N, C-alpha and C. Protein backbone atom coordinates (compact mmCIF):
# COMPACT_ATOMS: atom_id res chain seq x y z
N MET A 1 12.39 14.44 6.31
CA MET A 1 12.10 15.30 7.52
C MET A 1 10.24 15.33 7.82
N GLN A 2 10.04 15.23 9.17
CA GLN A 2 8.53 15.05 9.14
C GLN A 2 7.95 16.91 9.77
N VAL A 3 7.49 17.18 9.27
CA VAL A 3 6.65 18.89 10.11
C VAL A 3 5.21 18.59 10.06
N ASN A 4 4.67 19.29 11.29
CA ASN A 4 3.45 19.26 11.65
C ASN A 4 2.56 19.99 10.73
N LEU A 5 1.33 19.91 10.69
CA LEU A 5 0.39 20.52 9.70
C LEU A 5 0.57 22.14 9.89
N HIS A 6 0.28 22.30 10.80
CA HIS A 6 0.43 23.92 11.24
C HIS A 6 1.78 24.43 10.62
N ASP A 7 3.03 23.78 10.88
CA ASP A 7 4.13 24.54 10.13
C ASP A 7 3.98 24.37 8.89
N ALA A 8 3.46 23.05 8.18
CA ALA A 8 3.58 23.60 6.91
C ALA A 8 2.72 24.46 6.12
N LYS A 9 1.62 24.89 7.03
CA LYS A 9 0.96 25.77 6.48
C LYS A 9 1.55 27.47 6.43
N THR A 10 2.48 27.52 7.52
CA THR A 10 3.10 28.55 7.50
C THR A 10 4.26 28.67 6.49
N HIS A 11 5.31 27.77 6.38
CA HIS A 11 6.13 27.47 5.68
C HIS A 11 6.22 26.74 4.37
N LEU A 12 5.14 26.45 3.47
CA LEU A 12 4.91 25.76 2.61
C LEU A 12 5.76 26.20 1.72
N SER A 13 5.82 27.07 1.25
CA SER A 13 6.98 27.32 0.22
C SER A 13 8.48 26.98 0.37
N ARG A 14 9.16 26.87 1.62
CA ARG A 14 10.14 26.30 2.57
C ARG A 14 10.19 24.84 1.60
N TYR A 15 9.08 24.54 2.25
CA TYR A 15 9.10 22.93 2.41
C TYR A 15 8.88 22.43 0.62
N VAL A 16 8.15 22.72 -0.12
CA VAL A 16 7.95 22.79 -1.37
C VAL A 16 9.44 22.93 -2.00
N ASP A 17 10.41 24.07 -1.51
CA ASP A 17 11.99 24.14 -2.15
C ASP A 17 12.61 22.78 -1.71
N GLN A 18 12.13 22.41 -0.42
CA GLN A 18 13.14 21.12 -0.23
C GLN A 18 12.87 19.82 -0.48
N ALA A 19 11.73 19.89 -1.16
CA ALA A 19 11.12 18.45 -1.58
C ALA A 19 11.98 18.87 -3.18
N LEU A 20 11.64 19.48 -3.80
CA LEU A 20 12.39 20.01 -4.97
C LEU A 20 14.03 19.64 -5.02
N ALA A 21 14.53 19.98 -3.89
CA ALA A 21 16.27 19.80 -4.43
C ALA A 21 16.24 18.38 -3.36
N GLY A 22 15.30 17.50 -3.67
CA GLY A 22 15.35 16.11 -3.54
C GLY A 22 15.06 15.41 -1.86
N GLU A 23 15.08 16.25 -0.87
CA GLU A 23 14.59 16.35 0.15
C GLU A 23 12.91 15.73 0.71
N GLU A 24 13.22 14.58 1.07
CA GLU A 24 11.76 13.93 1.58
C GLU A 24 11.09 14.40 2.62
N VAL A 25 9.64 15.20 2.28
CA VAL A 25 9.16 16.01 3.42
C VAL A 25 7.79 15.41 3.64
N VAL A 26 7.55 15.06 4.79
CA VAL A 26 6.41 14.43 4.86
C VAL A 26 5.54 15.63 5.93
N ILE A 27 4.60 15.46 5.81
CA ILE A 27 3.60 16.65 6.84
C ILE A 27 2.55 15.28 7.22
N ALA A 28 2.29 15.86 8.81
CA ALA A 28 1.81 15.21 9.55
C ALA A 28 0.97 15.88 10.33
N ARG A 29 -0.54 15.40 11.05
CA ARG A 29 -1.13 15.85 12.11
C ARG A 29 -1.08 14.84 13.65
N ALA A 30 -0.46 15.41 14.45
CA ALA A 30 -0.78 15.02 15.61
C ALA A 30 0.06 13.56 15.66
N GLY A 31 1.31 13.91 14.98
CA GLY A 31 2.74 12.96 15.09
C GLY A 31 2.46 11.47 14.25
N LYS A 32 1.07 12.05 13.30
CA LYS A 32 0.68 10.76 12.21
C LYS A 32 1.06 11.41 11.22
N PRO A 33 1.99 10.75 10.34
CA PRO A 33 2.06 10.96 8.81
C PRO A 33 0.97 11.12 7.93
N LEU A 34 0.83 12.13 6.85
CA LEU A 34 -0.85 12.06 6.22
C LEU A 34 -0.29 12.21 4.69
N VAL A 35 0.84 13.08 4.32
CA VAL A 35 0.90 13.32 2.89
C VAL A 35 2.86 13.48 3.16
N ARG A 36 3.17 13.53 1.93
CA ARG A 36 4.73 13.49 1.49
C ARG A 36 4.62 14.47 0.09
N LEU A 37 5.49 15.50 0.53
CA LEU A 37 5.73 16.27 -0.90
C LEU A 37 6.60 15.76 -1.55
N MET A 38 6.56 15.04 -3.08
CA MET A 38 7.31 15.31 -4.21
C MET A 38 7.27 15.95 -5.40
N PRO A 39 8.27 16.22 -5.98
CA PRO A 39 8.29 16.76 -7.41
C PRO A 39 7.38 15.97 -8.22
N VAL A 40 6.90 16.84 -8.85
CA VAL A 40 5.79 16.39 -10.13
C VAL A 40 6.50 15.74 -10.80
N GLY A 41 6.10 14.35 -11.63
CA GLY A 41 6.96 13.91 -12.57
C GLY A 41 7.89 12.76 -11.95
N SER A 42 8.15 12.67 -10.41
CA SER A 42 9.16 11.67 -9.81
C SER A 42 8.25 10.87 -9.75
N ASP A 43 9.15 9.89 -9.97
CA ASP A 43 8.22 8.18 -9.65
C ASP A 43 8.43 7.91 -8.26
N PRO A 44 7.16 7.35 -8.01
CA PRO A 44 7.11 6.92 -6.15
C PRO A 44 8.02 5.80 -6.33
N PRO A 45 8.52 5.23 -5.33
CA PRO A 45 9.61 3.90 -5.02
C PRO A 45 8.76 2.96 -5.64
N SER A 46 9.73 2.28 -6.46
CA SER A 46 8.93 0.75 -7.07
C SER A 46 8.84 -0.39 -6.45
N ARG A 47 7.74 -1.12 -6.62
CA ARG A 47 7.55 -1.93 -5.77
C ARG A 47 7.81 -3.25 -6.53
N ARG A 48 8.57 -4.27 -6.28
CA ARG A 48 9.24 -5.35 -7.42
C ARG A 48 8.12 -6.47 -7.04
N LEU A 49 7.54 -6.69 -7.84
CA LEU A 49 6.41 -7.91 -7.89
C LEU A 49 7.01 -9.10 -7.87
N GLY A 50 6.67 -10.04 -7.33
CA GLY A 50 7.29 -11.34 -7.34
C GLY A 50 8.61 -11.52 -6.24
N PHE A 51 8.84 -10.32 -5.82
CA PHE A 51 10.46 -10.97 -5.03
C PHE A 51 10.31 -11.85 -3.99
N LEU A 52 9.25 -11.99 -3.28
CA LEU A 52 9.11 -13.13 -2.48
C LEU A 52 8.68 -14.74 -3.31
N ALA A 53 8.80 -14.75 -4.56
CA ALA A 53 8.36 -16.07 -5.06
C ALA A 53 9.53 -16.91 -4.71
N GLY A 54 9.08 -18.10 -4.38
CA GLY A 54 9.66 -19.28 -4.24
C GLY A 54 10.53 -19.48 -2.72
N THR A 55 10.04 -18.31 -2.10
CA THR A 55 10.44 -18.40 -0.52
C THR A 55 10.02 -19.13 0.65
N ALA A 56 8.91 -19.44 0.13
CA ALA A 56 7.84 -20.09 0.95
C ALA A 56 7.05 -21.37 0.20
N ARG A 57 6.69 -22.45 0.95
CA ARG A 57 6.04 -23.88 0.64
C ARG A 57 4.71 -23.93 1.15
N VAL A 58 3.79 -24.32 0.30
CA VAL A 58 2.53 -25.03 0.79
C VAL A 58 3.16 -26.48 0.73
N GLU A 59 2.68 -27.08 1.66
CA GLU A 59 2.79 -28.57 2.15
C GLU A 59 1.49 -29.09 1.16
N ALA A 60 1.67 -30.37 0.30
CA ALA A 60 0.72 -30.91 -0.17
C ALA A 60 -0.18 -31.18 0.50
N ASP A 61 -0.10 -31.74 1.58
CA ASP A 61 -1.46 -32.44 2.48
C ASP A 61 -2.35 -30.80 2.93
N LEU A 62 -1.51 -29.88 3.47
CA LEU A 62 -2.49 -28.56 3.51
C LEU A 62 -3.52 -28.17 2.39
N LYS A 63 -2.73 -28.39 1.07
CA LYS A 63 -3.60 -27.85 0.15
C LYS A 63 -4.51 -28.50 -0.23
N ARG A 64 -4.47 -30.07 -0.05
CA ARG A 64 -5.50 -30.82 0.08
C ARG A 64 -6.47 -30.57 0.84
N ASP A 65 -5.87 -30.72 2.18
CA ASP A 65 -7.05 -30.08 3.32
C ASP A 65 -7.92 -28.76 2.98
N PHE A 66 -7.56 -28.17 2.46
CA PHE A 66 -8.66 -26.83 1.96
C PHE A 66 -8.84 -26.60 0.58
N GLU A 67 -8.57 -27.58 0.11
CA GLU A 67 -9.07 -27.82 -1.78
C GLU A 67 -10.76 -27.07 -1.62
N ALA A 68 -11.54 -27.91 -1.43
CA ALA A 68 -12.46 -28.09 -1.07
C ALA A 68 -13.34 -26.78 -1.14
N GLU A 69 -12.54 -25.92 0.23
CA GLU A 69 -13.08 -24.85 0.58
C GLU A 69 -12.82 -23.44 -0.28
N ILE A 70 -11.68 -23.59 -0.87
CA ILE A 70 -11.15 -23.08 -1.62
C ILE A 70 -12.21 -22.90 -3.20
N ASN A 71 -12.23 -24.24 -3.63
CA ASN A 71 -13.01 -24.26 -4.74
C ASN A 71 -14.70 -23.82 -4.60
N ALA A 72 -15.15 -24.08 -3.42
CA ALA A 72 -16.64 -23.54 -2.83
C ALA A 72 -16.53 -22.15 -2.99
N VAL A 73 -15.57 -21.46 -2.22
CA VAL A 73 -15.58 -20.01 -2.52
C VAL A 73 -15.48 -19.60 -3.98
N PHE A 74 -14.91 -19.99 -4.96
CA PHE A 74 -14.72 -19.44 -6.10
C PHE A 74 -16.00 -20.04 -6.85
N GLN A 75 -16.60 -21.13 -6.36
CA GLN A 75 -18.01 -21.21 -7.12
C GLN A 75 -19.58 -20.15 -6.58
N LEU A 76 -19.17 -20.14 -5.81
CA LEU A 76 -19.88 -19.00 -4.90
C LEU A 76 -19.84 -17.62 -5.68
N GLN A 77 -18.58 -17.42 -6.08
CA GLN A 77 -18.55 -16.19 -6.73
C GLN A 77 -18.90 -16.15 -7.85
N ASP A 78 -19.42 -17.43 -8.55
CA ASP A 78 -19.89 -17.29 -10.29
C ASP A 78 -21.48 -17.60 -9.93
N GLU A 79 -22.23 -17.42 -8.81
CA GLU A 79 -23.47 -17.89 -8.65
C GLU A 79 -24.04 -16.37 -8.15
N PRO A 80 -25.25 -16.11 -8.81
CA PRO A 80 -25.99 -15.01 -8.32
C PRO A 80 -25.99 -15.23 -6.92
N PRO A 81 -26.30 -14.08 -5.91
CA PRO A 81 -26.67 -13.92 -4.64
C PRO A 81 -27.61 -14.76 -4.46
N TRP A 82 -29.37 -14.54 -4.99
CA TRP A 82 -30.00 -15.22 -5.12
C TRP A 82 -30.11 -16.70 -4.93
N GLN A 83 -29.35 -17.10 -4.98
CA GLN A 83 -29.25 -18.62 -5.18
C GLN A 83 -28.24 -19.37 -4.44
N ARG A 84 -27.40 -18.74 -3.99
CA ARG A 84 -26.46 -19.02 -2.97
C ARG A 84 -27.09 -19.52 -1.58
N GLN A 85 -26.65 -20.46 -0.74
CA GLN A 85 -27.35 -20.77 0.40
C GLN A 85 -26.02 -20.66 1.66
């Protein structure tokens, strides 16, 4: 459920109880979501790292075309700013 900020100020205890009961409560201002109420100790939704691994390919010629530029960027990071051109 999404509620506006003014309503949340007026009925905060009600929304806290609903969040503790497992309901998602989002507080918004002018229709734009700002915060989500959730019980302390509850885990946020997990993000699976690498779930898209192997779904995209980079062609060898594309890698070769940009290899010099990519290497140049990393070399610049190793140099102090006053030595960069």
